[in-house]
Amino acid sequence: MTLEELRSKLMESTGLPVAYRSFEVDKSPSTPFIVYYVVQRDDERADDVVFAKNSAVNVELYFDKKDLSLENRLESFFDDVGIIYNVYEEAIEEEKMMFRTYEFDLMED
């Protein structure tokens, strides 16, 4: 799966606005929304050729009110496409919102 495919499938499975890294300042949606980004890329190479792109990706679900059904939809999407993830949740007190981060490796070939 490519990053662009990930973006469109996240939108399709959750119905939420999705952006790479951040939304434009004047176009920032209200919560809930999703941002995703590459943390690190570690391509697999042989004979001076990249044969597989391996990206460590974070998908962050931002919300102001806990919604277990939304989290279940997102996690079902990951399960359905075979993405194995780690998850943690944090609060942003000054913004009165929280975010839940899903960390995983995305292999493109």
PDB file of N, CA and C in Angstrom:
ATOM      1  N   MET A   1       0.853  -1.172   0.000  1.00  0.00           N
ATOM      2  CA  MET A   1       0.000   0.000   0.000  1.00  0.00           C
ATOM      3  C   MET A   1       0.899   1.235   0.000  1.00  0.00           C
ATOM      4  N   THR A   2       0.569   2.212  -0.831  1.00  0.00           N
ATOM      5  CA  THR A   2       1.314   3.471  -0.871  1.00  0.00           C
ATOM      6  C   THR A   2       0.745   4.435   0.173  1.00  0.00           C
ATOM      7  N   LEU A   3       1.459   5.513   0.417  1.00  0.00           N
ATOM      8  CA  LEU A   3       0.954   6.530   1.349  1.00  0.00           C
ATOM      9  C   LEU A   3      -0.346   7.153   0.846  1.00  0.00           C
ATOM     10  N   GLU A   4      -0.443   7.366  -0.455  1.00  0.00           N
ATOM     11  CA  GLU A   4      -1.672   7.938  -1.014  1.00  0.00           C
ATOM     12  C   GLU A   4      -2.844   6.969  -0.857  1.00  0.00           C
ATOM     13  N   GLU A   5      -2.595   5.684  -1.054  1.00  0.00           N
ATOM     14  CA  GLU A   5      -3.647   4.682  -0.837  1.00  0.00           C
ATOM     15  C   GLU A   5      -4.050   4.640   0.630  1.00  0.00           C
ATOM     16  N   LEU A   6      -3.066   4.753   1.524  1.00  0.00           N
ATOM     17  CA  LEU A   6      -3.371   4.796   2.955  1.00  0.00           C
ATOM     18  C   LEU A   6      -4.297   5.971   3.256  1.00  0.00           C
ATOM     19  N   ARG A   7      -3.970   7.133   2.727  1.00  0.00           N
ATOM     20  CA  ARG A   7      -4.792   8.330   2.955  1.00  0.00           C
ATOM     21  C   ARG A   7      -6.237   8.104   2.494  1.00  0.00           C
ATOM     22  N   SER A   8      -6.405   7.636   1.275  1.00  0.00           N
ATOM     23  CA  SER A   8      -7.770   7.480   0.763  1.00  0.00           C
ATOM     24  C   SER A   8      -8.534   6.396   1.520  1.00  0.00           C
ATOM     25  N   LYS A   9      -7.857   5.322   1.918  1.00  0.00           N
ATOM     26  CA  LYS A   9      -8.529   4.254   2.660  1.00  0.00           C
ATOM     27  C   LYS A   9      -8.867   4.687   4.084  1.00  0.00           C
ATOM     28  N   LEU A  10      -8.038   5.535   4.683  1.00  0.00           N
ATOM     29  CA  LEU A  10      -8.375   6.087   6.000  1.00  0.00           C
ATOM     30  C   LEU A  10      -9.640   6.936   5.908  1.00  0.00           C
ATOM     31  N   MET A  11      -9.715   7.779   4.875  1.00  0.00           N
ATOM     32  CA  MET A  11     -10.903   8.620   4.675  1.00  0.00           C
ATOM     33  C   MET A  11     -12.134   7.759   4.442  1.00  0.00           C
ATOM     34  N   GLU A  12     -11.984   6.753   3.607  1.00  0.00           N
ATOM     35  CA  GLU A  12     -13.104   5.874   3.262  1.00  0.00           C
ATOM     36  C   GLU A  12     -13.605   5.090   4.476  1.00  0.00           C
ATOM     37  N   SER A  13     -12.689   4.569   5.268  1.00  0.00           N
ATOM     38  CA  SER A  13     -13.097   3.710   6.390  1.00  0.00           C
ATOM     39  C   SER A  13     -13.623   4.489   7.588  1.00  0.00           C
ATOM     40  N   THR A  14     -13.188   5.741   7.755  1.00  0.00           N
ATOM     41  CA  THR A  14     -13.626   6.521   8.924  1.00  0.00           C
ATOM     42  C   THR A  14     -14.598   7.638   8.590  1.00  0.00           C
ATOM     43  N   GLY A  15     -14.567   8.129   7.350  1.00  0.00           N
ATOM     44  CA  GLY A  15     -15.393   9.279   6.977  1.00  0.00           C
ATOM     45  C   GLY A  15     -14.854  10.596   7.528  1.00  0.00           C
ATOM     46  N   LEU A  16     -13.615  10.581   8.020  1.00  0.00           N
ATOM     47  CA  LEU A  16     -13.031  11.779   8.628  1.00  0.00           C
ATOM     48  C   LEU A  16     -12.106  12.513   7.666  1.00  0.00           C
ATOM     49  N   PRO A  17     -11.881  13.818   7.911  1.00  0.00           N
ATOM     50  CA  PRO A  17     -10.848  14.532   7.158  1.00  0.00           C
ATOM     51  C   PRO A  17      -9.479  13.940   7.502  1.00  0.00           C
ATOM     52  N   VAL A  18      -8.638  13.796   6.473  1.00  0.00           N
ATOM     53  CA  VAL A  18      -7.307  13.218   6.647  1.00  0.00           C
ATOM     54  C   VAL A  18      -6.297  14.094   5.925  1.00  0.00           C
ATOM     55  N   ALA A  19      -5.160  14.367   6.589  1.00  0.00           N
ATOM     56  CA  ALA A  19      -4.111  15.179   5.971  1.00  0.00           C
ATOM     57  C   ALA A  19      -2.748  14.610   6.311  1.00  0.00           C
ATOM     58  N   TYR A  20      -1.795  14.858   5.413  1.00  0.00           N
ATOM     59  CA  TYR A  20      -0.422  14.486   5.696  1.00  0.00           C
ATOM     60  C   TYR A  20       0.199  15.571   6.560  1.00  0.00           C
ATOM     61  N   ARG A  21       0.682  15.213   7.715  1.00  0.00           N
ATOM     62  CA  ARG A  21       1.367  16.043   8.705  1.00  0.00           C
ATOM     63  C   ARG A  21       0.463  17.081   9.369  1.00  0.00           C
ATOM     64  N   SER A  22      -0.233  17.913   8.599  1.00  0.00           N
ATOM     65  CA  SER A  22      -1.120  18.922   9.198  1.00  0.00           C
ATOM     66  C   SER A  22      -2.072  19.454   8.136  1.00  0.00           C
ATOM     67  N   PHE A  23      -3.112  20.125   8.601  1.00  0.00           N
ATOM     68  CA  PHE A  23      -4.037  20.810   7.700  1.00  0.00           C
ATOM     69  C   PHE A  23      -3.559  22.237   7.519  1.00  0.00           C
ATOM     70  N   GLU A  24      -3.951  22.856   6.427  1.00  0.00           N
ATOM     71  CA  GLU A  24      -3.638  24.273   6.245  1.00  0.00           C
ATOM     72  C   GLU A  24      -4.307  25.059   7.362  1.00  0.00           C
ATOM     73  N   VAL A  25      -3.666  26.129   7.802  1.00  0.00           N
ATOM     74  CA  VAL A  25      -4.127  26.880   8.975  1.00  0.00           C
ATOM     75  C   VAL A  25      -5.579  27.319   8.832  1.00  0.00           C
ATOM     76  N   ASP A  26      -5.951  27.875   7.723  1.00  0.00           N
ATOM     77  CA  ASP A  26      -7.315  28.376   7.552  1.00  0.00           C
ATOM     78  C   ASP A  26      -8.306  27.286   7.146  1.00  0.00           C
ATOM     79  N   LYS A  27      -7.814  26.041   6.958  1.00  0.00           N
ATOM     80  CA  LYS A  27      -8.694  24.946   6.553  1.00  0.00           C
ATOM     81  C   LYS A  27      -8.698  23.812   7.570  1.00  0.00           C
ATOM     82  N   SER A  28      -8.320  24.108   8.788  1.00  0.00           N
ATOM     83  CA  SER A  28      -8.266  23.093   9.828  1.00  0.00           C
ATOM     84  C   SER A  28      -9.678  22.691  10.237  1.00  0.00           C
ATOM     85  N   PRO A  29      -9.996  21.387  10.179  1.00  0.00           N
ATOM     86  CA  PRO A  29     -11.354  20.941  10.523  1.00  0.00           C
ATOM     87  C   PRO A  29     -11.544  20.864  12.034  1.00  0.00           C
ATOM     88  N   SER A  30     -12.778  20.756  12.436  1.00  0.00           N
ATOM     89  CA  SER A  30     -13.046  20.498  13.851  1.00  0.00           C
ATOM     90  C   SER A  30     -12.806  19.006  14.109  1.00  0.00           C
ATOM     91  N   THR A  31     -12.657  18.665  15.370  1.00  0.00           N
ATOM     92  CA  THR A  31     -12.424  17.262  15.712  1.00  0.00           C
ATOM     93  C   THR A  31     -13.706  16.454  15.515  1.00  0.00           C
ATOM     94  N   PRO A  32     -13.592  15.193  15.231  1.00  0.00           N
ATOM     95  CA  PRO A  32     -12.384  14.396  15.064  1.00  0.00           C
ATOM     96  C   PRO A  32     -11.796  14.528  13.659  1.00  0.00           C
ATOM     97  N   PHE A  33     -10.485  14.322  13.572  1.00  0.00           N
ATOM     98  CA  PHE A  33      -9.793  14.296  12.291  1.00  0.00           C
ATOM     99  C   PHE A  33      -8.539  13.449  12.440  1.00  0.00           C
ATOM    100  N   ILE A  34      -7.914  13.151  11.302  1.00  0.00           N
ATOM    101  CA  ILE A  34      -6.729  12.295  11.283  1.00  0.00           C
ATOM    102  C   ILE A  34      -5.593  12.999  10.563  1.00  0.00           C
ATOM    103  N   VAL A  35      -4.390  12.891  11.119  1.00  0.00           N
ATOM    104  CA  VAL A  35      -3.172  13.247  10.394  1.00  0.00           C
ATOM    105  C   VAL A  35      -2.262  12.018  10.389  1.00  0.00           C
ATOM    106  N   TYR A  36      -1.490  11.902   9.330  1.00  0.00           N
ATOM    107  CA  TYR A  36      -0.540  10.798   9.226  1.00  0.00           C
ATOM    108  C   TYR A  36       0.765  11.341   8.678  1.00  0.00           C
ATOM    109  N   TYR A  37       1.865  10.670   8.992  1.00  0.00           N
ATOM    110  CA  TYR A  37       3.159  11.125   8.505  1.00  0.00           C
ATOM    111  C   TYR A  37       4.192  10.012   8.648  1.00  0.00           C
ATOM    112  N   VAL A  38       5.255  10.148   7.858  1.00  0.00           N
ATOM    113  CA  VAL A  38       6.367   9.201   7.908  1.00  0.00           C
ATOM    114  C   VAL A  38       7.338   9.680   8.975  1.00  0.00           C
ATOM    115  N   VAL A  39       7.674   8.787   9.890  1.00  0.00           N
ATOM    116  CA  VAL A  39       8.628   9.081  10.946  1.00  0.00           C
ATOM    117  C   VAL A  39      10.041   8.785  10.463  1.00  0.00           C
ATOM    118  N   GLN A  40      10.181   7.678   9.764  1.00  0.00           N
ATOM    119  CA  GLN A  40      11.488   7.245   9.271  1.00  0.00           C
ATOM    120  C   GLN A  40      11.275   6.326   8.087  1.00  0.00           C
ATOM    121  N   ARG A  41      12.213   6.354   7.160  1.00  0.00           N
ATOM    122  CA  ARG A  41      12.125   5.447   6.022  1.00  0.00           C
ATOM    123  C   ARG A  41      13.390   4.603   5.964  1.00  0.00           C
ATOM    124  N   ASP A  42      13.223   3.317   5.863  1.00  0.00           N
ATOM    125  CA  ASP A  42      14.329   2.383   5.838  1.00  0.00           C
ATOM    126  C   ASP A  42      14.098   1.426   4.670  1.00  0.00           C
ATOM    127  N   ASP A  43      14.535   1.846   3.487  1.00  0.00           N
ATOM    128  CA  ASP A  43      14.300   1.046   2.284  1.00  0.00           C
ATOM    129  C   ASP A  43      15.170  -0.207   2.280  1.00  0.00           C
ATOM    130  N   GLU A  44      14.649  -1.239   1.641  1.00  0.00           N
ATOM    131  CA  GLU A  44      15.410  -2.465   1.475  1.00  0.00           C
ATOM    132  C   GLU A  44      16.067  -2.421   0.107  1.00  0.00           C
ATOM    133  N   ARG A  45      17.379  -2.669   0.106  1.00  0.00           N
ATOM    134  CA  ARG A  45      18.166  -2.537  -1.110  1.00  0.00           C
ATOM    135  C   ARG A  45      18.957  -3.815  -1.362  1.00  0.00           C
ATOM    136  N   ALA A  46      19.256  -4.013  -2.639  1.00  0.00           N
ATOM    137  CA  ALA A  46      20.165  -5.082  -3.050  1.00  0.00           C
ATOM    138  C   ALA A  46      20.738  -4.698  -4.405  1.00  0.00           C
ATOM    139  N   ASP A  47      21.997  -4.912  -4.560  1.00  0.00           N
ATOM    140  CA  ASP A  47      22.664  -4.603  -5.838  1.00  0.00           C
ATOM    141  C   ASP A  47      22.415  -3.166  -6.268  1.00  0.00           C
ATOM    142  N   ASP A  48      22.497  -2.236  -5.315  1.00  0.00           N
ATOM    143  CA  ASP A  48      22.319  -0.799  -5.568  1.00  0.00           C
ATOM    144  C   ASP A  48      20.945  -0.443  -6.118  1.00  0.00           C
ATOM    145  N   VAL A  49      19.936  -1.253  -5.791  1.00  0.00           N
ATOM    146  CA  VAL A  49      18.568  -1.000  -6.240  1.00  0.00           C
ATOM    147  C   VAL A  49      17.638  -1.096  -5.035  1.00  0.00           C
ATOM    148  N   VAL A  50      16.734  -0.125  -4.900  1.00  0.00           N
ATOM    149  CA  VAL A  50      15.704  -0.197  -3.864  1.00  0.00           C
ATOM    150  C   VAL A  50      14.608  -1.114  -4.386  1.00  0.00           C
ATOM    151  N   PHE A  51      14.358  -2.202  -3.671  1.00  0.00           N
ATOM    152  CA  PHE A  51      13.315  -3.121  -4.130  1.00  0.00           C
ATOM    153  C   PHE A  51      12.081  -3.079  -3.244  1.00  0.00           C
ATOM    154  N   ALA A  52      12.170  -2.413  -2.092  1.00  0.00           N
ATOM    155  CA  ALA A  52      10.991  -2.253  -1.246  1.00  0.00           C
ATOM    156  C   ALA A  52      11.165  -1.009  -0.391  1.00  0.00           C
ATOM    157  N   LYS A  53      10.151  -0.177  -0.367  1.00  0.00           N
ATOM    158  CA  LYS A  53      10.146   1.011   0.479  1.00  0.00           C
ATOM    159  C   LYS A  53       9.466   0.655   1.793  1.00  0.00           C
ATOM    160  N   ASN A  54      10.176   0.879   2.884  1.00  0.00           N
ATOM    161  CA  ASN A  54       9.639   0.562   4.198  1.00  0.00           C
ATOM    162  C   ASN A  54       9.607   1.850   5.021  1.00  0.00           C
ATOM    163  N   SER A  55       8.416   2.325   5.326  1.00  0.00           N
ATOM    164  CA  SER A  55       8.258   3.568   6.075  1.00  0.00           C
ATOM    165  C   SER A  55       7.646   3.299   7.438  1.00  0.00           C
ATOM    166  N   ALA A  56       8.242   3.885   8.475  1.00  0.00           N
ATOM    167  CA  ALA A  56       7.611   3.888   9.793  1.00  0.00           C
ATOM    168  C   ALA A  56       6.610   5.036   9.775  1.00  0.00           C
ATOM    169  N   VAL A  57       5.345   4.724   9.980  1.00  0.00           N
ATOM    170  CA  VAL A  57       4.261   5.700   9.827  1.00  0.00           C
ATOM    171  C   VAL A  57       3.524   5.870  11.152  1.00  0.00           C
ATOM    172  N   ASN A  58       3.146   7.100  11.433  1.00  0.00           N
ATOM    173  CA  ASN A  58       2.235   7.396  12.544  1.00  0.00           C
ATOM    174  C   ASN A  58       0.925   7.895  11.965  1.00  0.00           C
ATOM    175  N   VAL A  59      -0.170   7.367  12.472  1.00  0.00           N
ATOM    176  CA  VAL A  59      -1.513   7.869  12.174  1.00  0.00           C
ATOM    177  C   VAL A  59      -2.063   8.375  13.495  1.00  0.00           C
ATOM    178  N   GLU A  60      -2.449   9.649  13.534  1.00  0.00           N
ATOM    179  CA  GLU A  60      -2.949  10.251  14.767  1.00  0.00           C
ATOM    180  C   GLU A  60      -4.416  10.627  14.604  1.00  0.00           C
ATOM    181  N   LEU A  61      -5.232  10.113  15.497  1.00  0.00           N
ATOM    182  CA  LEU A  61      -6.660  10.420  15.544  1.00  0.00           C
ATOM    183  C   LEU A  61      -6.867  11.467  16.627  1.00  0.00           C
ATOM    184  N   TYR A  62      -7.293  12.666  16.243  1.00  0.00           N
ATOM    185  CA  TYR A  62      -7.533  13.766  17.190  1.00  0.00           C
ATOM    186  C   TYR A  62      -9.019  13.853  17.500  1.00  0.00           C
ATOM    187  N   PHE A  63      -9.334  14.057  18.781  1.00  0.00           N
ATOM    188  CA  PHE A  63     -10.729  14.127  19.195  1.00  0.00           C
ATOM    189  C   PHE A  63     -10.843  14.926  20.479  1.00  0.00           C
ATOM    190  N   ASP A  64     -12.033  15.456  20.724  1.00  0.00           N
ATOM    191  CA  ASP A  64     -12.270  16.144  21.993  1.00  0.00           C
ATOM    192  C   ASP A  64     -13.178  15.333  22.905  1.00  0.00           C
ATOM    193  N   LYS A  65     -13.778  14.296  22.340  1.00  0.00           N
ATOM    194  CA  LYS A  65     -14.644  13.411  23.108  1.00  0.00           C
ATOM    195  C   LYS A  65     -14.350  11.973  22.686  1.00  0.00           C
ATOM    196  N   LYS A  66     -14.091  11.119  23.657  1.00  0.00           N
ATOM    197  CA  LYS A  66     -13.764   9.716  23.389  1.00  0.00           C
ATOM    198  C   LYS A  66     -14.905   9.051  22.619  1.00  0.00           C
ATOM    199  N   ASP A  67     -14.556   8.374  21.530  1.00  0.00           N
ATOM    200  CA  ASP A  67     -15.535   7.699  20.685  1.00  0.00           C
ATOM    201  C   ASP A  67     -15.018   6.301  20.368  1.00  0.00           C
ATOM    202  N   LEU A  68     -15.413   5.340  21.174  1.00  0.00           N
ATOM    203  CA  LEU A  68     -14.913   3.978  21.008  1.00  0.00           C
ATOM    204  C   LEU A  68     -15.319   3.366  19.675  1.00  0.00           C
ATOM    205  N   SER A  69     -16.490   3.703  19.160  1.00  0.00           N
ATOM    206  CA  SER A  69     -16.906   3.138  17.875  1.00  0.00           C
ATOM    207  C   SER A  69     -16.014   3.659  16.744  1.00  0.00           C
ATOM    208  N   LEU A  70     -15.591   4.917  16.811  1.00  0.00           N
ATOM    209  CA  LEU A  70     -14.675   5.461  15.815  1.00  0.00           C
ATOM    210  C   LEU A  70     -13.314   4.768  15.915  1.00  0.00           C
ATOM    211  N   GLU A  71     -12.817   4.596  17.120  1.00  0.00           N
ATOM    212  CA  GLU A  71     -11.552   3.892  17.308  1.00  0.00           C
ATOM    213  C   GLU A  71     -11.658   2.458  16.783  1.00  0.00           C
ATOM    214  N   ASN A  72     -12.774   1.805  17.027  1.00  0.00           N
ATOM    215  CA  ASN A  72     -12.981   0.437  16.528  1.00  0.00           C
ATOM    216  C   ASN A  72     -13.012   0.388  15.007  1.00  0.00           C
ATOM    217  N   ARG A  73     -13.638   1.387  14.362  1.00  0.00           N
ATOM    218  CA  ARG A  73     -13.649   1.437  12.885  1.00  0.00           C
ATOM    219  C   ARG A  73     -12.233   1.574  12.350  1.00  0.00           C
ATOM    220  N   LEU A  74     -11.451   2.464  12.954  1.00  0.00           N
ATOM    221  CA  LEU A  74     -10.083   2.677  12.507  1.00  0.00           C
ATOM    222  C   LEU A  74      -9.248   1.413  12.726  1.00  0.00           C
ATOM    223  N   GLU A  75      -9.377   0.801  13.881  1.00  0.00           N
ATOM    224  CA  GLU A  75      -8.609  -0.402  14.180  1.00  0.00           C
ATOM    225  C   GLU A  75      -9.069  -1.583  13.324  1.00  0.00           C
ATOM    226  N   SER A  76     -10.342  -1.645  12.995  1.00  0.00           N
ATOM    227  CA  SER A  76     -10.836  -2.688  12.082  1.00  0.00           C
ATOM    228  C   SER A  76     -10.235  -2.523  10.702  1.00  0.00           C
ATOM    229  N   PHE A  77     -10.097  -1.268  10.247  1.00  0.00           N
ATOM    230  CA  PHE A  77      -9.446  -1.009   8.961  1.00  0.00           C
ATOM    231  C   PHE A  77      -8.019  -1.552   8.983  1.00  0.00           C
ATOM    232  N   PHE A  78      -7.254  -1.215  10.037  1.00  0.00           N
ATOM    233  CA  PHE A  78      -5.879  -1.721  10.140  1.00  0.00           C
ATOM    234  C   PHE A  78      -5.857  -3.244  10.138  1.00  0.00           C
ATOM    235  N   ASP A  79      -6.756  -3.855  10.901  1.00  0.00           N
ATOM    236  CA  ASP A  79      -6.829  -5.322  10.960  1.00  0.00           C
ATOM    237  C   ASP A  79      -7.152  -5.909   9.591  1.00  0.00           C
ATOM    238  N   ASP A  80      -8.108  -5.303   8.891  1.00  0.00           N
ATOM    239  CA  ASP A  80      -8.540  -5.816   7.589  1.00  0.00           C
ATOM    240  C   ASP A  80      -7.430  -5.791   6.541  1.00  0.00           C
ATOM    241  N   VAL A  81      -6.559  -4.776   6.597  1.00  0.00           N
ATOM    242  CA  VAL A  81      -5.479  -4.679   5.603  1.00  0.00           C
ATOM    243  C   VAL A  81      -4.168  -5.265   6.118  1.00  0.00           C
ATOM    244  N   GLY A  82      -4.203  -5.866   7.303  1.00  0.00           N
ATOM    245  CA  GLY A  82      -3.033  -6.564   7.820  1.00  0.00           C
ATOM    246  C   GLY A  82      -1.966  -5.673   8.418  1.00  0.00           C
ATOM    247  N   ILE A  83      -2.348  -4.494   8.895  1.00  0.00           N
ATOM    248  CA  ILE A  83      -1.390  -3.599   9.546  1.00  0.00           C
ATOM    249  C   ILE A  83      -1.343  -3.929  11.032  1.00  0.00           C
ATOM    250  N   ILE A  84      -0.143  -4.243  11.506  1.00  0.00           N
ATOM    251  CA  ILE A  84       0.075  -4.512  12.924  1.00  0.00           C
ATOM    252  C   ILE A  84       0.609  -3.224  13.537  1.00  0.00           C
ATOM    253  N   TYR A  85      -0.038  -2.730  14.568  1.00  0.00           N
ATOM    254  CA  TYR A  85       0.270  -1.410  15.089  1.00  0.00           C
ATOM    255  C   TYR A  85       0.474  -1.424  16.595  1.00  0.00           C
ATOM    256  N   ASN A  86       1.154  -0.394  17.066  1.00  0.00           N
ATOM    257  CA  ASN A  86       1.224  -0.059  18.482  1.00  0.00           C
ATOM    258  C   ASN A  86       0.384   1.193  18.659  1.00  0.00           C
ATOM    259  N   VAL A  87      -0.234   1.358  19.819  1.00  0.00           N
ATOM    260  CA  VAL A  87      -1.115   2.502  20.029  1.00  0.00           C
ATOM    261  C   VAL A  87      -0.865   3.122  21.399  1.00  0.00           C
ATOM    262  N   TYR A  88      -0.948   4.435  21.442  1.00  0.00           N
ATOM    263  CA  TYR A  88      -0.927   5.150  22.719  1.00  0.00           C
ATOM    264  C   TYR A  88      -1.775   6.415  22.582  1.00  0.00           C
ATOM    265  N   GLU A  89      -2.154   6.957  23.716  1.00  0.00           N
ATOM    266  CA  GLU A  89      -3.073   8.102  23.749  1.00  0.00           C
ATOM    267  C   GLU A  89      -2.512   9.185  24.665  1.00  0.00           C
ATOM    268  N   GLU A  90      -2.663  10.429  24.248  1.00  0.00           N
ATOM    269  CA  GLU A  90      -2.183  11.565  25.026  1.00  0.00           C
ATOM    270  C   GLU A  90      -3.204  12.692  24.989  1.00  0.00           C
ATOM    271  N   ALA A  91      -3.119  13.554  25.998  1.00  0.00           N
ATOM    272  CA  ALA A  91      -3.981  14.739  26.061  1.00  0.00           C
ATOM    273  C   ALA A  91      -3.171  15.972  25.688  1.00  0.00           C
ATOM    274  N   ILE A  92      -3.851  16.919  25.054  1.00  0.00           N
ATOM    275  CA  ILE A  92      -3.279  18.248  24.802  1.00  0.00           C
ATOM    276  C   ILE A  92      -4.136  19.208  25.616  1.00  0.00           C
ATOM    277  N   GLU A  93      -3.745  19.421  26.842  1.00  0.00           N
ATOM    278  CA  GLU A  93      -4.556  20.179  27.798  1.00  0.00           C
ATOM    279  C   GLU A  93      -4.923  21.569  27.294  1.00  0.00           C
ATOM    280  N   GLU A  94      -3.958  22.300  26.744  1.00  0.00           N
ATOM    281  CA  GLU A  94      -4.217  23.679  26.307  1.00  0.00           C
ATOM    282  C   GLU A  94      -5.202  23.761  25.139  1.00  0.00           C
ATOM    283  N   GLU A  95      -5.310  22.671  24.367  1.00  0.00           N
ATOM    284  CA  GLU A  95      -6.253  22.630  23.242  1.00  0.00           C
ATOM    285  C   GLU A  95      -7.565  21.941  23.626  1.00  0.00           C
ATOM    286  N   LYS A  96      -7.604  21.362  24.828  1.00  0.00           N
ATOM    287  CA  LYS A  96      -8.769  20.614  25.300  1.00  0.00           C
ATOM    288  C   LYS A  96      -9.159  19.510  24.312  1.00  0.00           C
ATOM    289  N   MET A  97      -8.122  18.779  23.897  1.00  0.00           N
ATOM    290  CA  MET A  97      -8.353  17.644  23.008  1.00  0.00           C
ATOM    291  C   MET A  97      -7.345  16.555  23.328  1.00  0.00           C
ATOM    292  N   MET A  98      -7.566  15.423  22.727  1.00  0.00           N
ATOM    293  CA  MET A  98      -6.676  14.280  22.899  1.00  0.00           C
ATOM    294  C   MET A  98      -6.314  13.747  21.522  1.00  0.00           C
ATOM    295  N   PHE A  99      -5.263  12.935  21.490  1.00  0.00           N
ATOM    296  CA  PHE A  99      -4.969  12.223  20.256  1.00  0.00           C
ATOM    297  C   PHE A  99      -4.496  10.823  20.580  1.00  0.00           C
ATOM    298  N   ARG A 100      -4.810   9.948  19.662  1.00  0.00           N
ATOM    299  CA  ARG A 100      -4.466   8.531  19.787  1.00  0.00           C
ATOM    300  C   ARG A 100      -3.560   8.226  18.605  1.00  0.00           C
ATOM    301  N   THR A 101      -2.348   7.757  18.894  1.00  0.00           N
ATOM    302  CA  THR A 101      -1.356   7.506  17.852  1.00  0.00           C
ATOM    303  C   THR A 101      -1.240   6.018  17.577  1.00  0.00           C
ATOM    304  N   TYR A 102      -1.290   5.680  16.297  1.00  0.00           N
ATOM    305  CA  TYR A 102      -1.074   4.322  15.828  1.00  0.00           C
ATOM    306  C   TYR A 102       0.256   4.322  15.079  1.00  0.00           C
ATOM    307  N   GLU A 103       1.204   3.520  15.548  1.00  0.00           N
ATOM    308  CA  GLU A 103       2.531   3.419  14.923  1.00  0.00           C
ATOM    309  C   GLU A 103       2.635   2.068  14.217  1.00  0.00           C
ATOM    310  N   PHE A 104       3.136   2.088  12.984  1.00  0.00           N
ATOM    311  CA  PHE A 104       3.308   0.837  12.239  1.00  0.00           C
ATOM    312  C   PHE A 104       4.268   1.037  11.096  1.00  0.00           C
ATOM    313  N   ASP A 105       4.704  -0.084  10.512  1.00  0.00           N
ATOM    314  CA  ASP A 105       5.537  -0.061   9.318  1.00  0.00           C
ATOM    315  C   ASP A 105       4.654  -0.272   8.103  1.00  0.00           C
ATOM    316  N   LEU A 106       4.918   0.512   7.079  1.00  0.00           N
ATOM    317  CA  LEU A 106       4.170   0.407   5.824  1.00  0.00           C
ATOM    318  C   LEU A 106       5.156   0.038   4.722  1.00  0.00           C
ATOM    319  N   MET A 107       4.955  -1.129   4.155  1.00  0.00           N
ATOM    320  CA  MET A 107       5.846  -1.627   3.106  1.00  0.00           C
ATOM    321  C   MET A 107       5.216  -1.380   1.750  1.00  0.00           C
ATOM    322  N   GLU A 108       5.935  -0.641   0.898  1.00  0.00           N
ATOM    323  CA  GLU A 108       5.500  -0.436  -0.483  1.00  0.00           C
ATOM    324  C   GLU A 108       6.408  -1.257  -1.378  1.00  0.00           C
ATOM    325  N   ASP A 109       5.829  -1.947  -2.347  1.00  0.00           N
ATOM    326  CA  ASP A 109       6.688  -2.665  -3.293  1.00  0.00           C
ATOM    327  C   ASP A 109       6.263  -2.421  -4.707  1.00  0.00           C
TER     328      ASP A 109
END
